């Protein structure tokens, strides 16, 4: 199996399990305020999986460095596969597992913005944008744009960082 596909599937599974754990812990129902902050876990999982993918590619036998374009290519493939897998899971989650999720999160965000004294016009605009982002049209756009953007930014940066931190093996004469 190609590394990008393999690690993309691992990322999608990890992100889905993270979201199920949040649901099981009540972070999407009774503790929506805390769940708003723990939802960043999916992005962190994707970045960690991209790091592992690029680390594995860099440390293959007979390889001393990984070109940035190759890291970007593998990262983009993994990000695309992760986005597809997570989109499928998220669609099922929003329709079958926790259909109240969007309403609860929107309610928390609106109350949070009102407590901060934001104008009603800004709150309504945020609510429209949020409703669109979980709609059948907006959800794929939101998921794919977010996770592909993360892959396109993180992959080259991680590739450069891993190349820079690589400890060269000593050359033995003989």
Protein backbone atom coordinates (compact mmCIF):
# COMPACT_ATOMS: atom_id res chain seq x y z
CA UNK A 1 0.00 0.00 0.00
CA UNK A 2 1.29 3.46 -0.89
CA UNK A 3 2.44 5.47 2.15
CA UNK A 4 0.12 8.41 1.44
CA UNK A 5 -2.92 6.15 1.26
CA UNK A 6 -1.91 4.16 4.33
CA UNK A 7 -1.25 7.19 6.51
CA UNK A 8 -4.31 8.99 5.17
CA UNK A 9 -6.47 6.08 6.30
CA UNK A 10 -4.72 6.04 9.67
CA UNK A 11 -5.37 9.78 10.05
CA UNK A 12 -9.05 9.42 9.09
CA UNK A 13 -9.48 6.57 11.59
CA UNK A 14 -7.71 8.50 14.34
CA UNK A 15 -9.70 11.66 13.69
CA UNK A 16 -12.96 9.69 13.69
CA UNK A 17 -12.06 7.90 16.92
CA UNK A 18 -11.15 11.25 18.51
CA UNK A 19 -14.55 12.64 17.62
CA UNK A 20 -16.31 9.54 18.95
CA UNK A 21 -14.33 9.85 22.19
CA UNK A 22 -15.42 13.48 22.48
CA UNK A 23 -19.01 12.38 22.02
CA UNK A 24 -18.65 9.58 24.59
CA UNK A 25 -17.20 12.04 27.10
CA UNK A 26 -20.12 14.41 26.59
CA UNK A 27 -18.01 17.11 24.92
CA UNK A 28 -20.53 17.36 22.09
CA UNK A 29 -23.64 17.27 24.26
CA UNK A 30 -23.46 18.44 27.88
CA UNK A 31 -20.02 20.11 27.79
CA UNK A 32 -20.21 21.91 24.44
CA UNK A 33 -17.97 24.75 25.64
CA UNK A 34 -15.12 22.38 26.37
CA UNK A 35 -15.87 20.41 23.19
CA UNK A 36 -15.41 23.58 21.18
CA UNK A 37 -11.74 23.59 22.22
CA UNK A 38 -11.08 19.84 22.08
CA UNK A 39 -12.27 19.71 18.47
CA UNK A 40 -8.77 20.90 17.50
CA UNK A 41 -7.65 17.35 18.28
CA UNK A 42 -8.54 16.23 14.75
CA UNK A 43 -6.15 18.75 13.24
CA UNK A 44 -3.42 17.76 15.67
CA UNK A 45 -3.93 14.09 14.77
CA UNK A 46 -3.57 14.89 11.06
CA UNK A 47 -0.34 16.83 11.67
CA UNK A 48 1.06 14.00 13.85
CA UNK A 49 0.25 11.43 11.16
CA UNK A 50 1.84 13.63 8.49
CA UNK A 51 4.95 13.89 10.67
CA UNK A 52 5.06 10.09 11.00
CA UNK A 53 4.59 9.62 7.24
CA UNK A 54 7.37 12.03 6.36
CA UNK A 55 9.63 10.63 9.07
CA UNK A 56 9.17 7.14 7.66
CA UNK A 57 9.92 8.35 4.12
CA UNK A 58 13.04 10.23 5.22
CA UNK A 59 14.48 7.33 7.17
CA UNK A 60 14.14 4.74 4.42
CA UNK A 61 17.36 2.86 3.63
CA UNK A 62 19.73 4.66 1.24
CA UNK A 63 18.00 8.02 1.75
CA UNK A 64 19.75 10.99 3.31
CA UNK A 65 17.13 13.66 2.69
CA UNK A 66 13.58 14.07 1.42
CA UNK A 67 12.87 16.65 -1.29
CA UNK A 68 10.21 19.16 -0.27
CA UNK A 69 8.14 18.45 -3.40
CA UNK A 70 8.05 14.76 -2.52
CA UNK A 71 7.03 15.51 1.07
CA UNK A 72 4.32 17.82 -0.24
CA UNK A 73 3.08 15.19 -2.69
CA UNK A 74 2.87 12.43 -0.08
CA UNK A 75 1.38 14.82 2.47
CA UNK A 76 -1.25 16.05 0.00
CA UNK A 77 -2.27 12.48 -0.84
CA UNK A 78 -2.50 11.59 2.85
CA UNK A 79 -4.44 14.80 3.55
CA UNK A 80 -6.87 14.08 0.71
CA UNK A 81 -7.48 10.51 1.87
CA UNK A 82 -7.86 11.68 5.48
CA UNK A 83 -10.32 14.40 4.40
CA UNK A 84 -12.38 11.91 2.37
CA UNK A 85 -12.49 9.39 5.19
CA UNK A 86 -13.28 11.98 7.84
CA UNK A 87 -15.95 13.57 5.62
CA UNK A 88 -17.73 10.21 5.32
CA UNK A 89 -17.52 9.70 9.07
CA UNK A 90 -18.61 13.27 9.85
CA UNK A 91 -21.62 13.00 7.54
CA UNK A 92 -22.74 9.84 9.32
CA UNK A 93 -22.01 11.38 12.71
CA UNK A 94 -24.06 14.50 12.01
CA UNK A 95 -26.98 12.55 10.54
CA UNK A 96 -27.16 9.43 12.71
CA UNK A 97 -24.96 9.49 15.81
CA UNK A 98 -25.42 13.06 17.07
CA UNK A 99 -27.87 15.06 14.93
CA UNK A 100 -28.14 17.69 17.70
CA UNK A 101 -24.42 18.50 17.51
CA UNK A 102 -24.76 21.48 15.14
CA UNK A 103 -27.56 23.04 17.20
CA UNK A 104 -25.69 22.60 20.49
CA UNK A 105 -22.45 24.05 19.16
CA UNK A 106 -24.25 26.95 17.52
CA UNK A 107 -26.14 27.67 20.74
CA UNK A 108 -22.87 27.69 22.70
CA UNK A 109 -21.14 29.95 20.16
CA UNK A 110 -24.04 32.42 20.09
CA UNK A 111 -24.18 32.62 23.89
CA UNK A 112 -20.39 33.00 24.02
CA UNK A 113 -20.47 35.88 21.49
CA UNK A 114 -23.38 37.58 23.27
CA UNK A 115 -21.54 37.37 26.58
CA UNK A 116 -18.55 39.01 24.88
CA UNK A 117 -20.81 41.87 23.77
CA UNK A 118 -20.57 41.26 20.02
CA UNK A 119 -23.17 43.01 17.83
CA UNK A 120 -26.19 40.95 16.72
CA UNK A 121 -25.28 41.47 13.06
CA UNK A 122 -21.93 39.73 13.62
CA UNK A 123 -23.62 36.92 15.56
CA UNK A 124 -26.16 36.35 12.77
CA UNK A 125 -23.39 36.28 10.17
CA UNK A 126 -21.47 33.72 12.23
CA UNK A 127 -24.64 31.62 12.64
CA UNK A 128 -25.33 31.67 8.88
CA UNK A 129 -21.75 30.66 8.15
CA UNK A 130 -21.85 27.88 10.73
CA UNK A 131 -25.18 26.54 9.41
CA UNK A 132 -23.76 26.54 5.90
CA UNK A 133 -20.58 24.75 7.02
CA UNK A 134 -22.58 21.78 8.35
CA UNK A 135 -25.07 21.72 5.46
CA UNK A 136 -24.89 19.05 2.73
CA UNK A 137 -23.22 21.61 0.43
CA UNK A 138 -20.94 23.27 2.95
CA UNK A 139 -19.69 20.23 4.85
CA UNK A 140 -17.54 18.78 2.04
CA UNK A 141 -16.18 22.23 1.18
CA UNK A 142 -15.37 22.91 4.83
CA UNK A 143 -13.75 19.52 5.52
CA UNK A 144 -11.75 19.30 2.31
CA UNK A 145 -10.55 22.90 2.40
CA UNK A 146 -9.50 22.69 6.06
CA UNK A 147 -7.65 19.38 5.96
CA UNK A 148 -6.08 19.91 2.54
CA UNK A 149 -4.89 23.34 3.63
CA UNK A 150 -3.33 21.78 6.73
CA UNK A 151 -1.63 19.13 4.58
CA UNK A 152 -0.35 21.71 2.06
CA UNK A 153 1.09 23.91 4.79
CA UNK A 154 2.32 21.27 7.25
CA UNK A 155 3.90 18.81 4.80
CA UNK A 156 6.61 21.10 3.38
CA UNK A 157 7.31 22.61 6.78
CA UNK A 158 7.59 19.17 8.39
CA UNK A 159 9.76 17.95 5.52
CA UNK A 160 12.17 20.85 5.94
CA UNK A 161 12.21 20.43 9.72
CA UNK A 162 12.83 16.67 9.52
CA UNK A 163 15.58 17.15 6.93
CA UNK A 164 17.22 19.78 9.12
CA UNK A 165 17.06 17.57 12.23
CA UNK A 166 18.27 14.43 10.45
CA UNK A 167 21.38 13.03 12.01
CA UNK A 168 23.69 11.82 9.29
CA UNK A 169 25.15 8.36 9.64
CA UNK A 170 28.95 8.30 9.85
CA UNK A 171 30.67 7.13 6.65
CA UNK A 172 32.84 4.08 7.24
CA UNK A 173 35.87 3.61 5.03
CA UNK A 174 36.33 0.17 3.83
